[in-house]
Amino acid sequence: MMLRKELIEESVGWDTVNWSRALAFWERHTSLRPTGLRALEVGAGGTHGNLTLWLAAKGFRVVCSGVEEPSDALRHCHAAYGVGQAVEYKAIDVLDLPYTASFDVVAFKSLLGVFGIGDRDAMTLQRTAVRNIWRALRADGELWFVEGARGSRVHEALRHHFGWGQRGWLYPSLGEIDTLLSPFEEYEVTTLGVLGLLGRSEKQRRALGAVDRVVCERLAPEASRYIVAGVARKGPCSTTSVRGTGRRRLSGQSDTCAPR
């Protein structure tokens, strides 16, 4: 299903050229057909459409959730695009997710980094969030995620001095992403973006994002890019016991559901 460019940009909200490529990655690597399936977005916020807009436009029935109940502006955005009737709104903390085997897809954007803010054990909270998502998925359900990655030393320095890194936002490395996804049977990840982060306006970020796609990502190692996106599949287990292989490249499945 082809979606209008402005709807995709409204779903992503910022640095849209680079971050929206995660959506195309999910479409290429999912094994699901969205029509009629149930999806949960965790960590929704602000006034733009969030991932819920894109999911609902593709045919999912969506629960749109954030720590605080989604804003009226967000609801009006969904209504304006004609998907409001497919969306249910809730205030839900991913650290206390009240679902078990309930969704075909759980999606998030820029969720994990917030756990670094304040005097907290960020890695433990990140693991808790991902394991709660695993439990909320049905058998063969999928996590679709896109997150700010650690990137290069230049990215780290810029964020520390000018961005959310000043507040403690924690940008995971690829190795940490692998560890977080270990409950899942299989997963595929990609990294995106080199220069787009440097843009001071959305117009500049669009131009730099185009350069990233055509030139920079062919030269920069995957660990030197500032966005990580992925699809992680729960596998055939229908129990709530966490059992995963942490295998990248969607290679094979485990035939056991025993606790890890």
Protein backbone atom coordinates (compact mmCIF):
# COMPACT_ATOMS: atom_id res chain seq x y z
CA MET A 1 0.00 0.00 0.00
CA MET A 2 1.48 3.33 -1.07
CA LEU A 3 1.12 6.06 1.54
CA ARG A 4 1.34 9.77 0.90
CA LYS A 5 4.69 11.38 1.63
CA GLU A 6 3.15 13.89 4.03
CA LEU A 7 1.48 11.12 6.05
CA ILE A 8 4.82 9.35 6.47
CA GLU A 9 6.52 12.60 7.48
CA GLU A 10 3.72 13.32 9.95
CA SER A 11 4.21 9.85 11.42
CA VAL A 12 7.94 10.35 11.93
CA GLY A 13 7.95 14.00 12.93
CA TRP A 14 11.68 14.90 12.76
CA ASP A 15 14.65 14.24 10.47
CA THR A 16 12.06 12.59 8.28
CA VAL A 17 14.25 11.47 5.36
CA ASN A 18 16.47 9.26 7.49
CA TRP A 19 14.03 8.14 10.19
CA SER A 20 11.23 7.31 7.74
CA ARG A 21 13.45 4.74 6.07
CA ALA A 22 12.84 2.55 9.12
CA LEU A 23 9.23 2.18 8.00
CA ALA A 24 10.31 0.85 4.62
CA PHE A 25 12.71 -1.53 6.38
CA TRP A 26 9.87 -2.91 8.50
CA GLU A 27 7.76 -3.48 5.40
CA ARG A 28 10.57 -5.39 3.68
CA HIS A 29 11.33 -7.65 6.64
CA THR A 30 7.95 -8.39 8.18
CA SER A 31 6.18 -11.68 7.61
CA LEU A 32 2.79 -10.18 8.51
CA ARG A 33 -0.03 -8.76 6.43
CA PRO A 34 -1.35 -5.76 8.37
CA THR A 35 -5.04 -5.68 7.45
CA GLY A 36 -7.12 -6.57 10.48
CA LEU A 37 -4.17 -7.19 12.78
CA ARG A 38 -3.77 -5.55 16.18
CA ALA A 39 -0.86 -3.21 16.96
CA LEU A 40 0.36 -1.31 20.01
CA GLU A 41 2.49 1.81 19.90
CA VAL A 42 4.36 2.49 23.14
CA GLY A 43 5.98 5.82 23.93
CA ALA A 44 3.72 7.96 21.74
CA GLY A 45 3.72 11.67 22.53
CA GLY A 46 3.75 15.20 21.21
CA THR A 47 1.36 16.61 18.65
CA HIS A 48 2.33 14.85 15.41
CA GLY A 49 0.77 11.57 14.23
CA ASN A 50 3.40 9.22 15.67
CA LEU A 51 3.77 5.66 14.37
CA THR A 52 0.10 5.06 15.14
CA LEU A 53 -0.86 7.17 12.13
CA TRP A 54 1.23 5.04 9.77
CA LEU A 55 0.09 1.76 11.35
CA ALA A 56 -3.60 2.68 11.16
CA ALA A 57 -3.25 3.87 7.56
CA LYS A 58 -1.81 0.47 6.69
CA GLY A 59 -4.85 -1.33 8.11
CA PHE A 60 -3.89 -2.14 11.71
CA ARG A 61 -6.24 -1.66 14.65
CA VAL A 62 -3.99 0.33 16.98
CA VAL A 63 -3.69 1.09 20.67
CA CYS A 64 -1.80 4.40 20.83
CA SER A 65 -0.15 4.76 24.23
CA GLY A 66 2.28 6.89 26.16
CA VAL A 67 3.16 7.46 29.79
CA GLU A 68 0.63 10.27 29.60
CA GLU A 69 -2.57 9.83 27.62
CA PRO A 70 -2.06 10.99 24.01
CA SER A 71 -2.87 14.65 23.43
CA ASP A 72 -5.96 16.11 21.77
CA ALA A 73 -3.71 17.43 18.98
CA LEU A 74 -2.49 13.91 18.25
CA ARG A 75 -6.06 12.62 18.16
CA HIS A 76 -7.11 15.43 15.83
CA CYS A 77 -4.20 14.55 13.53
CA HIS A 78 -5.43 10.97 13.25
CA ALA A 79 -8.97 12.15 12.59
CA ALA A 80 -7.75 14.51 9.88
CA TYR A 81 -6.13 11.59 8.06
CA GLY A 82 -9.29 9.50 8.41
CA VAL A 83 -7.90 6.81 10.73
CA GLY A 84 -9.28 7.92 14.09
CA GLN A 85 -11.86 5.11 14.24
CA ALA A 86 -9.07 2.51 14.05
CA VAL A 87 -7.26 3.92 17.09
CA GLU A 88 -7.77 3.49 20.84
CA TYR A 89 -5.90 5.85 23.20
CA LYS A 90 -4.44 4.88 26.56
CA ALA A 91 -1.96 6.05 29.18
CA ILE A 92 0.41 3.08 29.58
CA ASP A 93 3.90 2.80 31.03
CA VAL A 94 5.95 0.26 29.06
CA LEU A 95 7.65 -0.69 32.35
CA ASP A 96 4.26 -1.87 33.62
CA LEU A 97 2.67 -3.13 30.41
CA PRO A 98 -0.71 -4.74 31.23
CA TYR A 99 -0.83 -7.14 28.26
CA THR A 100 0.07 -10.78 27.59
CA ALA A 101 -0.06 -12.31 24.08
CA SER A 102 -2.38 -9.50 22.90
CA PHE A 103 -0.79 -7.88 19.81
CA ASP A 104 0.54 -8.89 16.42
CA VAL A 105 2.90 -5.89 16.35
CA VAL A 106 4.34 -3.59 19.00
CA ALA A 107 6.11 -0.51 17.64
CA PHE A 108 8.18 2.26 19.13
CA LYS A 109 10.34 5.19 18.12
CA SER A 110 12.92 6.81 20.43
CA LEU A 111 11.77 4.95 23.52
CA LEU A 112 14.86 3.35 25.07
CA GLY A 113 17.02 6.45 25.50
CA VAL A 114 14.70 8.11 28.01
CA PHE A 115 15.63 5.56 30.67
CA GLY A 116 19.05 7.18 30.92
CA ILE A 117 17.54 10.39 32.29
CA GLY A 118 17.77 10.66 36.06
CA ASP A 119 19.54 8.53 38.60
CA ARG A 120 18.31 5.16 37.32
CA ASP A 121 19.72 1.83 36.13
CA ALA A 122 19.07 2.52 32.46
CA MET A 123 20.11 -0.88 31.07
CA THR A 124 17.88 -2.75 33.54
CA LEU A 125 14.93 -0.52 32.63
CA GLN A 126 15.59 -1.02 28.91
CA ARG A 127 15.66 -4.79 29.37
CA THR A 128 12.42 -4.65 31.36
CA ALA A 129 10.72 -2.61 28.63
CA VAL A 130 11.75 -4.99 25.85
CA ARG A 131 10.79 -8.11 27.82
CA ASN A 132 7.39 -6.58 28.58
CA ILE A 133 6.94 -5.95 24.87
CA TRP A 134 7.90 -9.58 24.16
CA ARG A 135 5.18 -10.76 26.54
CA ALA A 136 2.59 -8.46 24.97
CA LEU A 137 3.14 -10.03 21.55
CA ARG A 138 1.19 -12.99 20.28
CA ALA A 139 2.97 -16.06 18.93
CA ASP A 140 4.88 -15.05 15.78
CA GLY A 141 4.24 -11.40 16.64
CA GLU A 142 6.83 -8.76 15.81
CA LEU A 143 8.51 -5.78 17.44
CA TRP A 144 9.11 -2.92 14.99
CA PHE A 145 11.47 -0.32 16.41
CA VAL A 146 13.60 2.66 15.45
CA GLU A 147 15.90 4.27 17.99
CA GLY A 148 18.71 6.80 18.18
CA ALA A 149 21.93 4.77 18.13
CA ARG A 150 25.25 5.66 19.70
CA GLY A 151 26.81 6.35 16.31
CA SER A 152 30.27 7.83 15.93
CA ARG A 153 32.32 9.83 18.42
CA VAL A 154 31.24 12.96 16.56
CA HIS A 155 27.58 12.09 17.10
CA GLU A 156 28.25 11.39 20.78
CA ALA A 157 30.01 14.73 21.25
CA LEU A 158 27.29 16.72 19.47
CA ARG A 159 24.51 15.11 21.48
CA HIS A 160 26.39 15.57 24.74
CA HIS A 161 26.94 19.28 24.16
CA PHE A 162 23.85 20.30 22.18
CA GLY A 163 21.21 17.56 22.29
CA TRP A 164 19.35 15.25 24.62
CA GLY A 165 22.64 13.71 25.71
CA GLN A 166 23.01 16.74 28.01
CA ARG A 167 20.03 15.41 29.99
CA GLY A 168 21.34 11.85 30.21
CA TRP A 169 19.53 10.33 27.22
CA LEU A 170 21.18 6.95 26.61
CA TYR A 171 21.92 6.04 22.98
CA PRO A 172 22.49 2.25 22.74
CA SER A 173 25.34 0.64 20.82
CA LEU A 174 24.67 -2.18 18.36
CA GLY A 175 26.01 -4.65 20.89
CA GLU A 176 23.54 -3.39 23.48
CA ILE A 177 20.72 -3.69 20.95
CA ASP A 178 21.72 -7.33 20.37
CA THR A 179 21.54 -7.96 24.12
CA LEU A 180 18.16 -6.27 24.46
CA LEU A 181 16.69 -8.36 21.63
CA SER A 182 17.90 -11.67 23.06
CA PRO A 183 14.38 -12.76 24.19
CA PHE A 184 13.28 -12.91 20.55
CA GLU A 185 13.70 -15.92 18.30
CA GLU A 186 15.16 -13.93 15.41
CA TYR A 187 15.66 -10.38 14.28
CA GLU A 188 17.06 -8.14 11.57
CA VAL A 189 18.56 -4.72 12.23
CA THR A 190 19.94 -1.93 10.10
CA THR A 191 21.61 1.40 10.82
CA LEU A 192 20.90 4.68 9.07
CA GLY A 193 22.12 8.26 8.91
CA VAL A 194 25.50 9.96 9.14
CA LEU A 195 25.11 13.68 8.41
CA GLY A 196 21.36 14.24 8.85
CA LEU A 197 21.78 14.85 12.57
CA LEU A 198 23.82 17.98 11.78
CA GLY A 199 20.95 19.84 10.11
CA ARG A 200 19.66 22.83 12.04
CA SER A 201 16.34 22.89 10.18
CA GLU A 202 14.16 20.19 8.66
CA LYS A 203 15.06 21.49 5.21
CA GLN A 204 18.76 21.01 5.97
CA ARG A 205 18.13 17.57 7.49
CA ARG A 206 16.26 16.50 4.35
CA ALA A 207 19.18 17.55 2.15
CA LEU A 208 21.75 15.86 4.37
CA GLY A 209 19.59 12.76 4.60
CA ALA A 210 19.64 12.46 0.83
CA VAL A 211 23.43 12.67 0.89
CA ASP A 212 23.53 10.02 3.61
CA ARG A 213 21.49 7.60 1.55
CA VAL A 214 23.43 8.05 -1.68
CA VAL A 215 26.98 8.61 -0.43
CA CYS A 216 27.78 8.53 3.28
CA GLU A 217 26.23 5.20 4.22
CA ARG A 218 28.31 3.50 1.54
CA LEU A 219 31.43 4.76 3.30
CA ALA A 220 30.58 4.83 7.02
CA PRO A 221 30.67 1.60 9.07
CA GLU A 222 27.28 0.51 10.43
CA ALA A 223 28.34 1.36 13.98
CA SER A 224 29.04 4.97 12.92
CA ARG A 225 25.43 5.74 11.97
CA TYR A 226 23.07 7.43 14.40
CA ILE A 227 19.80 5.51 13.89
CA VAL A 228 19.14 1.81 14.43
CA ALA A 229 15.96 0.14 13.19
CA GLY A 230 14.81 -3.44 13.33
CA VAL A 231 12.19 -6.17 13.17
CA ALA A 232 12.28 -8.79 15.95
CA ARG A 233 10.04 -11.84 15.80
CA LYS A 234 8.73 -13.63 18.88
CA GLY A 235 8.47 -16.98 17.12
CA PRO A 236 5.92 -19.77 17.57
CA CYS A 237 5.92 -19.91 21.38
CA SER A 238 2.51 -19.15 22.84
CA THR A 239 3.63 -19.24 26.49
CA THR A 240 4.92 -16.30 28.51
CA SER A 241 8.33 -17.89 29.17
CA VAL A 242 11.14 -15.79 27.75
CA ARG A 243 13.15 -17.92 25.36
CA GLY A 244 15.17 -16.49 22.52
CA THR A 245 18.24 -17.08 20.45
CA GLY A 246 19.24 -13.51 19.67
CA ARG A 247 19.95 -14.47 16.06
CA ARG A 248 20.30 -11.76 13.47
CA ARG A 249 19.42 -12.05 9.77
CA LEU A 250 16.15 -13.92 10.40
CA SER A 251 17.92 -17.28 10.31
CA GLY A 252 15.98 -20.19 11.72
CA GLN A 253 13.72 -20.68 14.72
CA SER A 254 13.97 -22.47 18.01
CA ASP A 255 11.61 -25.39 18.52
CA THR A 256 11.44 -25.07 22.29
CA CYS A 257 9.62 -22.69 24.62
CA ALA A 258 11.51 -23.56 27.77
CA PRO A 259 12.53 -20.67 30.03
CA ARG A 260 15.92 -19.22 29.36
